[in-house]
Full PDB file with SEQRES, HELIX, SHEET, SSBOND, CRYST1, ORIGX, SCALE, CONECT and MASTER records, all heavy atoms in Angstrom:
SEQRES   1 A   35  PRO ALA LEU GLU GLY ARG GLN ARG VAL PRO ALA VAL ALA          
SEQRES   2 A   35  GLU LYS ILE GLY LEU SER GLN VAL LEU GLN GLU PRO LEU          
SEQRES   3 A   35  PHE SER LEU SER HIS GLY PHE ARG GLN                          
HELIX    1 AA1 ALA A    2  ILE A   16  1                                  15    
HELIX    2 AA2 SER A   19  VAL A   21  5                                   3    
HELIX    3 AA3 LEU A   26  SER A   28  5                                   3    
HELIX    4 AA4 HIS A   31  ARG A   34  1                                   4    
CRYST1    1.000    1.000    1.000  90.00  90.00  90.00 P 1           1          
ORIGX1      1.000000  0.000000  0.000000        0.00000                         
ORIGX2      0.000000  1.000000  0.000000        0.00000                         
ORIGX3      0.000000  0.000000  1.000000        0.00000                         
SCALE1      1.000000  0.000000  0.000000        0.00000                         
SCALE2      0.000000  1.000000  0.000000        0.00000                         
SCALE3      0.000000  0.000000  1.000000        0.00000                         
ATOM      1  N   PRO A   1       0.789  -1.234   0.015  1.00  0.00           N  
ATOM      2  CA  PRO A   1      -0.011   0.017  -0.004  1.00  0.00           C  
ATOM      3  C   PRO A   1       0.902   1.304  -0.010  1.00  0.00           C  
ATOM      4  O   PRO A   1       1.975   1.325   0.550  1.00  0.00           O  
ATOM      5  CB  PRO A   1      -0.815  -0.074   1.280  1.00  0.00           C  
ATOM      6  CG  PRO A   1      -0.811  -1.525   1.654  1.00  0.00           C  
ATOM      7  CD  PRO A   1       0.514  -2.077   1.173  1.00  0.00           C  
ATOM      8  N   ALA A   2       0.301   2.311  -0.700  1.00  0.00           N  
ATOM      9  CA  ALA A   2       1.015   3.540  -0.767  1.00  0.00           C  
ATOM     10  C   ALA A   2       1.300   4.141   0.651  1.00  0.00           C  
ATOM     11  O   ALA A   2       2.399   4.703   0.904  1.00  0.00           O  
ATOM     12  CB  ALA A   2       0.240   4.565  -1.583  1.00  0.00           C  
ATOM     13  N   LEU A   3       0.337   4.054   1.574  1.00  0.00           N  
ATOM     14  CA  LEU A   3       0.525   4.616   2.952  1.00  0.00           C  
ATOM     15  C   LEU A   3       1.704   3.915   3.636  1.00  0.00           C  
ATOM     16  O   LEU A   3       2.487   4.574   4.275  1.00  0.00           O  
ATOM     17  CB  LEU A   3      -0.794   4.469   3.648  1.00  0.00           C  
ATOM     18  CG  LEU A   3      -0.676   4.937   5.205  1.00  0.00           C  
ATOM     19  CD1 LEU A   3      -0.307   6.358   5.233  1.00  0.00           C  
ATOM     20  CD2 LEU A   3      -2.024   4.710   5.922  1.00  0.00           C  
ATOM     21  N   GLU A   4       1.713   2.597   3.428  1.00  0.00           N  
ATOM     22  CA  GLU A   4       2.867   1.851   4.075  1.00  0.00           C  
ATOM     23  C   GLU A   4       4.132   2.240   3.575  1.00  0.00           C  
ATOM     24  O   GLU A   4       5.184   2.377   4.231  1.00  0.00           O  
ATOM     25  CB  GLU A   4       2.682   0.336   3.842  1.00  0.00           C  
ATOM     26  CG  GLU A   4       3.669  -0.578   4.579  1.00  0.00           C  
ATOM     27  CD  GLU A   4       3.497  -2.000   4.216  1.00  0.00           C  
ATOM     28  OE1 GLU A   4       2.372  -2.385   3.704  1.00  0.00           O  
ATOM     29  OE2 GLU A   4       4.358  -2.805   4.510  1.00  0.00           O  
ATOM     30  N   GLY A   5       4.166   2.559   2.178  1.00  0.00           N  
ATOM     31  CA  GLY A   5       5.438   3.000   1.615  1.00  0.00           C  
ATOM     32  C   GLY A   5       5.878   4.326   2.122  1.00  0.00           C  
ATOM     33  O   GLY A   5       7.079   4.608   2.374  1.00  0.00           O  
ATOM     34  N   ARG A   6       4.893   5.215   2.332  1.00  0.00           N  
ATOM     35  CA  ARG A   6       5.387   6.625   2.815  1.00  0.00           C  
ATOM     36  C   ARG A   6       5.877   6.550   4.266  1.00  0.00           C  
ATOM     37  O   ARG A   6       6.682   7.449   4.786  1.00  0.00           O  
ATOM     38  CB  ARG A   6       4.074   7.552   2.820  1.00  0.00           C  
ATOM     39  CG  ARG A   6       3.755   8.011   1.489  1.00  0.00           C  
ATOM     40  CD  ARG A   6       2.705   9.175   1.495  1.00  0.00           C  
ATOM     41  NE  ARG A   6       1.329   8.666   1.802  1.00  0.00           N  
ATOM     42  CZ  ARG A   6       0.447   8.201   0.938  1.00  0.00           C  
ATOM     43  NH1 ARG A   6       0.725   8.184  -0.345  1.00  0.00           N  
ATOM     44  NH2 ARG A   6      -0.693   7.822   1.360  1.00  0.00           N  
ATOM     45  N   GLN A   7       5.511   5.438   4.984  1.00  0.00           N  
ATOM     46  CA  GLN A   7       6.134   5.197   6.322  1.00  0.00           C  
ATOM     47  C   GLN A   7       7.433   4.430   6.249  1.00  0.00           C  
ATOM     48  O   GLN A   7       8.363   4.739   7.072  1.00  0.00           O  
ATOM     49  CB  GLN A   7       5.154   4.447   7.236  1.00  0.00           C  
ATOM     50  CG  GLN A   7       3.862   5.214   7.499  1.00  0.00           C  
ATOM     51  CD  GLN A   7       2.859   4.284   8.149  1.00  0.00           C  
ATOM     52  OE1 GLN A   7       2.930   3.123   8.143  1.00  0.00           O  
ATOM     53  NE2 GLN A   7       1.725   4.955   8.795  1.00  0.00           N  
ATOM     54  N   ARG A   8       7.511   3.551   5.312  1.00  0.00           N  
ATOM     55  CA  ARG A   8       8.623   2.596   5.200  1.00  0.00           C  
ATOM     56  C   ARG A   8       9.841   3.301   4.555  1.00  0.00           C  
ATOM     57  O   ARG A   8      10.982   3.098   4.982  1.00  0.00           O  
ATOM     58  CB  ARG A   8       8.244   1.420   4.456  1.00  0.00           C  
ATOM     59  CG  ARG A   8       9.269   0.398   4.057  1.00  0.00           C  
ATOM     60  CD  ARG A   8       9.646  -0.507   5.194  1.00  0.00           C  
ATOM     61  NE  ARG A   8      10.641  -1.479   4.861  1.00  0.00           N  
ATOM     62  CZ  ARG A   8      11.531  -1.915   5.653  1.00  0.00           C  
ATOM     63  NH1 ARG A   8      11.553  -1.734   6.915  1.00  0.00           N  
ATOM     64  NH2 ARG A   8      12.399  -2.903   5.195  1.00  0.00           N  
ATOM     65  N   VAL A   9       9.610   4.153   3.479  1.00  0.00           N  
ATOM     66  CA  VAL A   9      10.679   4.703   2.705  1.00  0.00           C  
ATOM     67  C   VAL A   9      11.671   5.509   3.612  1.00  0.00           C  
ATOM     68  O   VAL A   9      12.856   5.337   3.540  1.00  0.00           O  
ATOM     69  CB  VAL A   9      10.226   5.552   1.533  1.00  0.00           C  
ATOM     70  CG1 VAL A   9      11.248   6.418   0.928  1.00  0.00           C  
ATOM     71  CG2 VAL A   9       9.578   4.647   0.414  1.00  0.00           C  
ATOM     72  N   PRO A  10      11.158   6.468   4.440  1.00  0.00           N  
ATOM     73  CA  PRO A  10      12.079   7.294   5.312  1.00  0.00           C  
ATOM     74  C   PRO A  10      12.958   6.339   6.247  1.00  0.00           C  
ATOM     75  O   PRO A  10      14.134   6.589   6.501  1.00  0.00           O  
ATOM     76  CB  PRO A  10      11.202   8.196   6.129  1.00  0.00           C  
ATOM     77  CG  PRO A  10      10.042   8.274   5.302  1.00  0.00           C  
ATOM     78  CD  PRO A  10       9.824   6.907   4.718  1.00  0.00           C  
ATOM     79  N   ALA A  11      12.352   5.247   6.794  1.00  0.00           N  
ATOM     80  CA  ALA A  11      13.089   4.340   7.602  1.00  0.00           C  
ATOM     81  C   ALA A  11      14.115   3.558   6.909  1.00  0.00           C  
ATOM     82  O   ALA A  11      15.228   3.423   7.384  1.00  0.00           O  
ATOM     83  CB  ALA A  11      12.079   3.351   8.281  1.00  0.00           C  
ATOM     84  N   VAL A  12      13.870   3.079   5.677  1.00  0.00           N  
ATOM     85  CA  VAL A  12      14.890   2.428   4.931  1.00  0.00           C  
ATOM     86  C   VAL A  12      15.964   3.341   4.470  1.00  0.00           C  
ATOM     87  O   VAL A  12      17.210   2.991   4.517  1.00  0.00           O  
ATOM     88  CB  VAL A  12      14.188   1.746   3.678  1.00  0.00           C  
ATOM     89  CG1 VAL A  12      15.234   1.245   2.679  1.00  0.00           C  
ATOM     90  CG2 VAL A  12      13.238   0.731   4.110  1.00  0.00           C  
ATOM     91  N   ALA A  13      15.623   4.671   4.160  1.00  0.00           N  
ATOM     92  CA  ALA A  13      16.593   5.585   3.712  1.00  0.00           C  
ATOM     93  C   ALA A  13      17.539   5.951   4.913  1.00  0.00           C  
ATOM     94  O   ALA A  13      18.756   6.060   4.642  1.00  0.00           O  
ATOM     95  CB  ALA A  13      15.875   6.812   3.246  1.00  0.00           C  
ATOM     96  N   GLU A  14      17.080   6.010   6.090  1.00  0.00           N  
ATOM     97  CA  GLU A  14      17.918   6.231   7.247  1.00  0.00           C  
ATOM     98  C   GLU A  14      18.842   5.059   7.470  1.00  0.00           C  
ATOM     99  O   GLU A  14      20.055   5.227   7.695  1.00  0.00           O  
ATOM    100  CB  GLU A  14      17.111   6.466   8.468  1.00  0.00           C  
ATOM    101  CG  GLU A  14      17.885   6.829   9.678  1.00  0.00           C  
ATOM    102  CD  GLU A  14      17.111   7.175  10.945  1.00  0.00           C  
ATOM    103  OE1 GLU A  14      15.851   7.173  10.767  1.00  0.00           O  
ATOM    104  OE2 GLU A  14      17.649   7.346  11.944  1.00  0.00           O  
ATOM    105  N   LYS A  15      18.280   3.861   7.307  1.00  0.00           N  
ATOM    106  CA  LYS A  15      19.157   2.625   7.523  1.00  0.00           C  
ATOM    107  C   LYS A  15      20.281   2.544   6.522  1.00  0.00           C  
ATOM    108  O   LYS A  15      21.428   2.137   6.865  1.00  0.00           O  
ATOM    109  CB  LYS A  15      18.254   1.339   7.460  1.00  0.00           C  
ATOM    110  CG  LYS A  15      18.979   0.068   7.690  1.00  0.00           C  
ATOM    111  CD  LYS A  15      17.993  -1.130   7.738  1.00  0.00           C  
ATOM    112  CE  LYS A  15      18.676  -2.406   7.994  1.00  0.00           C  
ATOM    113  NZ  LYS A  15      17.712  -3.504   8.032  1.00  0.00           N  
ATOM    114  N   ILE A  16      19.998   2.900   5.290  1.00  0.00           N  
ATOM    115  CA  ILE A  16      20.900   2.675   4.137  1.00  0.00           C  
ATOM    116  C   ILE A  16      21.822   3.915   4.056  1.00  0.00           C  
ATOM    117  O   ILE A  16      22.769   3.954   3.242  1.00  0.00           O  
ATOM    118  CB  ILE A  16      20.218   2.340   2.853  1.00  0.00           C  
ATOM    119  CG1 ILE A  16      19.291   1.180   3.117  1.00  0.00           C  
ATOM    120  CG2 ILE A  16      21.225   2.158   1.689  1.00  0.00           C  
ATOM    121  CD1 ILE A  16      20.113  -0.040   3.358  1.00  0.00           C  
ATOM    122  N   GLY A  17      21.529   5.035   4.714  1.00  0.00           N  
ATOM    123  CA  GLY A  17      22.301   6.170   4.581  1.00  0.00           C  
ATOM    124  C   GLY A  17      21.943   7.102   3.387  1.00  0.00           C  
ATOM    125  O   GLY A  17      22.798   7.737   2.757  1.00  0.00           O  
ATOM    126  N   LEU A  18      20.633   7.168   3.209  1.00  0.00           N  
ATOM    127  CA  LEU A  18      20.069   7.967   2.035  1.00  0.00           C  
ATOM    128  C   LEU A  18      19.244   9.111   2.476  1.00  0.00           C  
ATOM    129  O   LEU A  18      18.744   9.908   1.596  1.00  0.00           O  
ATOM    130  CB  LEU A  18      19.288   7.079   1.118  1.00  0.00           C  
ATOM    131  CG  LEU A  18      20.043   5.996   0.369  1.00  0.00           C  
ATOM    132  CD1 LEU A  18      19.068   5.099  -0.380  1.00  0.00           C  
ATOM    133  CD2 LEU A  18      21.054   6.578  -0.649  1.00  0.00           C  
ATOM    134  N   SER A  19      19.104   9.427   3.670  1.00  0.00           N  
ATOM    135  CA  SER A  19      18.196  10.476   4.220  1.00  0.00           C  
ATOM    136  C   SER A  19      18.558  11.782   3.569  1.00  0.00           C  
ATOM    137  O   SER A  19      17.568  12.622   3.226  1.00  0.00           O  
ATOM    138  CB  SER A  19      18.256  10.572   5.760  1.00  0.00           C  
ATOM    139  OG  SER A  19      17.761   9.266   6.265  1.00  0.00           O  
ATOM    140  N   GLN A  20      19.781  12.101   3.441  1.00  0.00           N  
ATOM    141  CA  GLN A  20      20.226  13.439   2.935  1.00  0.00           C  
ATOM    142  C   GLN A  20      19.947  13.593   1.457  1.00  0.00           C  
ATOM    143  O   GLN A  20      19.996  14.747   0.957  1.00  0.00           O  
ATOM    144  CB  GLN A  20      21.561  13.700   3.262  1.00  0.00           C  
ATOM    145  CG  GLN A  20      22.696  12.944   2.580  1.00  0.00           C  
ATOM    146  CD  GLN A  20      22.970  11.601   3.231  1.00  0.00           C  
ATOM    147  OE1 GLN A  20      22.098  10.960   3.776  1.00  0.00           O  
ATOM    148  NE2 GLN A  20      24.221  11.218   3.122  1.00  0.00           N  
ATOM    149  N   VAL A  21      19.611  12.548   0.707  1.00  0.00           N  
ATOM    150  CA  VAL A  21      19.501  12.690  -0.697  1.00  0.00           C  
ATOM    151  C   VAL A  21      18.089  12.230  -1.214  1.00  0.00           C  
ATOM    152  O   VAL A  21      17.865  12.081  -2.375  1.00  0.00           O  
ATOM    153  CB  VAL A  21      20.540  11.870  -1.496  1.00  0.00           C  
ATOM    154  CG1 VAL A  21      21.924  12.427  -1.246  1.00  0.00           C  
ATOM    155  CG2 VAL A  21      20.457  10.376  -1.175  1.00  0.00           C  
ATOM    156  N   LEU A  22      17.134  12.177  -0.284  1.00  0.00           N  
ATOM    157  CA  LEU A  22      15.779  11.600  -0.642  1.00  0.00           C  
ATOM    158  C   LEU A  22      15.146  12.586  -1.689  1.00  0.00           C  
ATOM    159  O   LEU A  22      14.385  12.048  -2.490  1.00  0.00           O  
ATOM    160  CB  LEU A  22      14.894  11.488   0.596  1.00  0.00           C  
ATOM    161  CG  LEU A  22      14.949  10.225   1.372  1.00  0.00           C  
ATOM    162  CD1 LEU A  22      14.095  10.371   2.626  1.00  0.00           C  
ATOM    163  CD2 LEU A  22      14.591   9.083   0.554  1.00  0.00           C  
ATOM    164  N   GLN A  23      15.438  13.897  -1.678  1.00  0.00           N  
ATOM    165  CA  GLN A  23      14.850  14.789  -2.644  1.00  0.00           C  
ATOM    166  C   GLN A  23      15.729  14.976  -3.875  1.00  0.00           C  
ATOM    167  O   GLN A  23      15.270  15.811  -4.725  1.00  0.00           O  
ATOM    168  CB  GLN A  23      14.522  16.080  -1.847  1.00  0.00           C  
ATOM    169  CG  GLN A  23      13.612  15.923  -0.705  1.00  0.00           C  
ATOM    170  CD  GLN A  23      12.218  15.281  -1.088  1.00  0.00           C  
ATOM    171  OE1 GLN A  23      11.649  15.579  -2.162  1.00  0.00           O  
ATOM    172  NE2 GLN A  23      11.872  14.356  -0.247  1.00  0.00           N  
ATOM    173  N   GLU A  24      16.834  14.368  -3.900  1.00  0.00           N  
ATOM    174  CA  GLU A  24      17.702  14.535  -5.102  1.00  0.00           C  
ATOM    175  C   GLU A  24      17.292  13.655  -6.293  1.00  0.00           C  
ATOM    176  O   GLU A  24      16.859  12.456  -6.072  1.00  0.00           O  
ATOM    177  CB  GLU A  24      19.175  14.200  -4.657  1.00  0.00           C  
ATOM    178  CG  GLU A  24      19.764  15.113  -3.522  1.00  0.00           C  
ATOM    179  CD  GLU A  24      19.822  16.494  -3.974  1.00  0.00           C  
ATOM    180  OE1 GLU A  24      20.141  16.760  -5.159  1.00  0.00           O  
ATOM    181  OE2 GLU A  24      19.575  17.347  -3.115  1.00  0.00           O  
ATOM    182  N   PRO A  25      17.469  14.119  -7.481  1.00  0.00           N  
ATOM    183  CA  PRO A  25      17.151  13.281  -8.697  1.00  0.00           C  
ATOM    184  C   PRO A  25      18.306  12.233  -8.790  1.00  0.00           C  
ATOM    185  O   PRO A  25      19.421  12.514  -8.464  1.00  0.00           O  
ATOM    186  CB  PRO A  25      17.270  14.253  -9.812  1.00  0.00           C  
ATOM    187  CG  PRO A  25      17.999  15.463  -9.368  1.00  0.00           C  
ATOM    188  CD  PRO A  25      17.808  15.583  -7.861  1.00  0.00           C  
ATOM    189  N   LEU A  26      17.894  11.077  -9.260  1.00  0.00           N  
ATOM    190  CA  LEU A  26      18.804   9.937  -9.383  1.00  0.00           C  
ATOM    191  C   LEU A  26      19.975  10.207 -10.250  1.00  0.00           C  
ATOM    192  O   LEU A  26      21.106   9.769  -9.997  1.00  0.00           O  
ATOM    193  CB  LEU A  26      18.136   8.659  -9.703  1.00  0.00           C  
ATOM    194  CG  LEU A  26      17.197   8.069  -8.707  1.00  0.00           C  
ATOM    195  CD1 LEU A  26      16.209   7.023  -9.346  1.00  0.00           C  
ATOM    196  CD2 LEU A  26      18.040   7.365  -7.583  1.00  0.00           C  
ATOM    197  N   PHE A  27      19.828  11.043 -11.331  1.00  0.00           N  
ATOM    198  CA  PHE A  27      20.868  11.285 -12.233  1.00  0.00           C  
ATOM    199  C   PHE A  27      22.023  12.095 -11.571  1.00  0.00           C  
ATOM    200  O   PHE A  27      23.154  12.028 -12.049  1.00  0.00           O  
ATOM    201  CB  PHE A  27      20.467  12.002 -13.469  1.00  0.00           C  
ATOM    202  CG  PHE A  27      19.962  13.364 -13.285  1.00  0.00           C  
ATOM    203  CD1 PHE A  27      20.913  14.381 -13.200  1.00  0.00           C  
ATOM    204  CD2 PHE A  27      18.640  13.763 -13.207  1.00  0.00           C  
ATOM    205  CE1 PHE A  27      20.539  15.779 -13.011  1.00  0.00           C  
ATOM    206  CE2 PHE A  27      18.259  15.061 -13.006  1.00  0.00           C  
ATOM    207  CZ  PHE A  27      19.264  16.073 -12.956  1.00  0.00           C  
ATOM    208  N   SER A  28      21.773  12.777 -10.503  1.00  0.00           N  
ATOM    209  CA  SER A  28      22.740  13.516  -9.836  1.00  0.00           C  
ATOM    210  C   SER A  28      23.594  12.881  -8.792  1.00  0.00           C  
ATOM    211  O   SER A  28      24.559  13.408  -8.335  1.00  0.00           O  
ATOM    212  CB  SER A  28      22.125  14.698  -9.166  1.00  0.00           C  
ATOM    213  OG  SER A  28      21.285  14.335  -8.037  1.00  0.00           O  
ATOM    214  N   LEU A  29      23.246  11.585  -8.582  1.00  0.00           N  
ATOM    215  CA  LEU A  29      23.997  10.851  -7.452  1.00  0.00           C  
ATOM    216  C   LEU A  29      25.240  10.263  -8.004  1.00  0.00           C  
ATOM    217  O   LEU A  29      25.448   9.876  -9.122  1.00  0.00           O  
ATOM    218  CB  LEU A  29      23.105   9.682  -6.954  1.00  0.00           C  
ATOM    219  CG  LEU A  29      21.695  10.078  -6.379  1.00  0.00           C  
ATOM    220  CD1 LEU A  29      20.994   8.871  -5.839  1.00  0.00           C  
ATOM    221  CD2 LEU A  29      21.850  11.154  -5.301  1.00  0.00           C  
ATOM    222  N   SER A  30      26.262  10.134  -6.995  1.00  0.00           N  
ATOM    223  CA  SER A  30      27.508   9.419  -7.264  1.00  0.00           C  
ATOM    224  C   SER A  30      27.130   7.981  -7.434  1.00  0.00           C  
ATOM    225  O   SER A  30      26.169   7.396  -7.079  1.00  0.00           O  
ATOM    226  CB  SER A  30      28.429   9.675  -6.128  1.00  0.00           C  
ATOM    227  OG  SER A  30      27.945   9.029  -4.943  1.00  0.00           O  
ATOM    228  N   HIS A  31      28.275   7.206  -7.912  1.00  0.00           N  
ATOM    229  CA  HIS A  31      28.058   5.782  -8.109  1.00  0.00           C  
ATOM    230  C   HIS A  31      27.798   5.121  -6.738  1.00  0.00           C  
ATOM    231  O   HIS A  31      27.019   4.153  -6.728  1.00  0.00           O  
ATOM    232  CB  HIS A  31      29.302   5.187  -8.733  1.00  0.00           C  
ATOM    233  CG  HIS A  31      29.239   3.780  -8.987  1.00  0.00           C  
ATOM    234  ND1 HIS A  31      28.358   3.142  -9.983  1.00  0.00           N  
ATOM    235  CD2 HIS A  31      29.855   2.643  -8.406  1.00  0.00           C  
ATOM    236  CE1 HIS A  31      28.523   1.869  -9.979  1.00  0.00           C  
ATOM    237  NE2 HIS A  31      29.428   1.559  -8.986  1.00  0.00           N  
ATOM    238  N   GLY A  32      28.457   5.539  -5.721  1.00  0.00           N  
ATOM    239  CA  GLY A  32      28.250   4.890  -4.444  1.00  0.00           C  
ATOM    240  C   GLY A  32      26.840   5.053  -3.972  1.00  0.00           C  
ATOM    241  O   GLY A  32      26.219   4.129  -3.390  1.00  0.00           O  
ATOM    242  N   PHE A  33      26.302   6.301  -4.097  1.00  0.00           N  
ATOM    243  CA  PHE A  33      24.894   6.523  -3.667  1.00  0.00           C  
ATOM    244  C   PHE A  33      23.944   5.779  -4.568  1.00  0.00           C  
ATOM    245  O   PHE A  33      22.883   5.237  -4.055  1.00  0.00           O  
ATOM    246  CB  PHE A  33      24.494   8.007  -3.691  1.00  0.00           C  
ATOM    247  CG  PHE A  33      24.802   8.751  -2.409  1.00  0.00           C  
ATOM    248  CD1 PHE A  33      25.818   9.699  -2.333  1.00  0.00           C  
ATOM    249  CD2 PHE A  33      24.199   8.329  -1.188  1.00  0.00           C  
ATOM    250  CE1 PHE A  33      26.082  10.370  -1.152  1.00  0.00           C  
ATOM    251  CE2 PHE A  33      24.520   9.022  -0.059  1.00  0.00           C  
ATOM    252  CZ  PHE A  33      25.403  10.022   0.006  1.00  0.00           C  
ATOM    253  N   ARG A  34      24.187   5.529  -5.828  1.00  0.00           N  
ATOM    254  CA  ARG A  34      23.358   4.779  -6.698  1.00  0.00           C  
ATOM    255  C   ARG A  34      23.312   3.326  -6.230  1.00  0.00           C  
ATOM    256  O   ARG A  34      22.238   2.694  -6.277  1.00  0.00           O  
ATOM    257  CB  ARG A  34      23.826   4.867  -8.115  1.00  0.00           C  
ATOM    258  CG  ARG A  34      23.663   6.279  -8.728  1.00  0.00           C  
ATOM    259  CD  ARG A  34      24.245   6.482 -10.150  1.00  0.00           C  
ATOM    260  NE  ARG A  34      23.506   5.693 -11.065  1.00  0.00           N  
ATOM    261  CZ  ARG A  34      22.442   6.125 -11.778  1.00  0.00           C  
ATOM    262  NH1 ARG A  34      21.970   7.369 -11.593  1.00  0.00           N  
ATOM    263  NH2 ARG A  34      21.840   5.383 -12.684  1.00  0.00           N  
ATOM    264  N   GLN A  35      24.464   2.812  -5.843  1.00  0.00           N  
ATOM    265  CA  GLN A  35      24.440   1.492  -5.355  1.00  0.00           C  
ATOM    266  C   GLN A  35      23.610   1.367  -4.036  1.00  0.00           C  
ATOM    267  O   GLN A  35      22.862   0.311  -3.800  1.00  0.00           O  
ATOM    268  CB  GLN A  35      25.869   1.004  -5.018  1.00  0.00           C  
ATOM    269  CG  GLN A  35      26.659   0.697  -6.274  1.00  0.00           C  
ATOM    270  CD  GLN A  35      26.245  -0.396  -7.047  1.00  0.00           C  
ATOM    271  OE1 GLN A  35      25.442  -0.383  -7.998  1.00  0.00           O  
ATOM    272  NE2 GLN A  35      26.660  -1.615  -6.672  1.00  0.00           N  
TER     273      GLN A  35                                                      
MASTER        0    0    0    4    0    0    0    6  272    1    0    3          
END                                                                             
């Protein structure tokens, strides 16, 4: 469900170290962040 995703995505981003780039377009990311 979309609601579950809106709760889950920030938690996963924090775990993987992506919180600071959640609003960044994917094309702008370094190779490490893309992985």
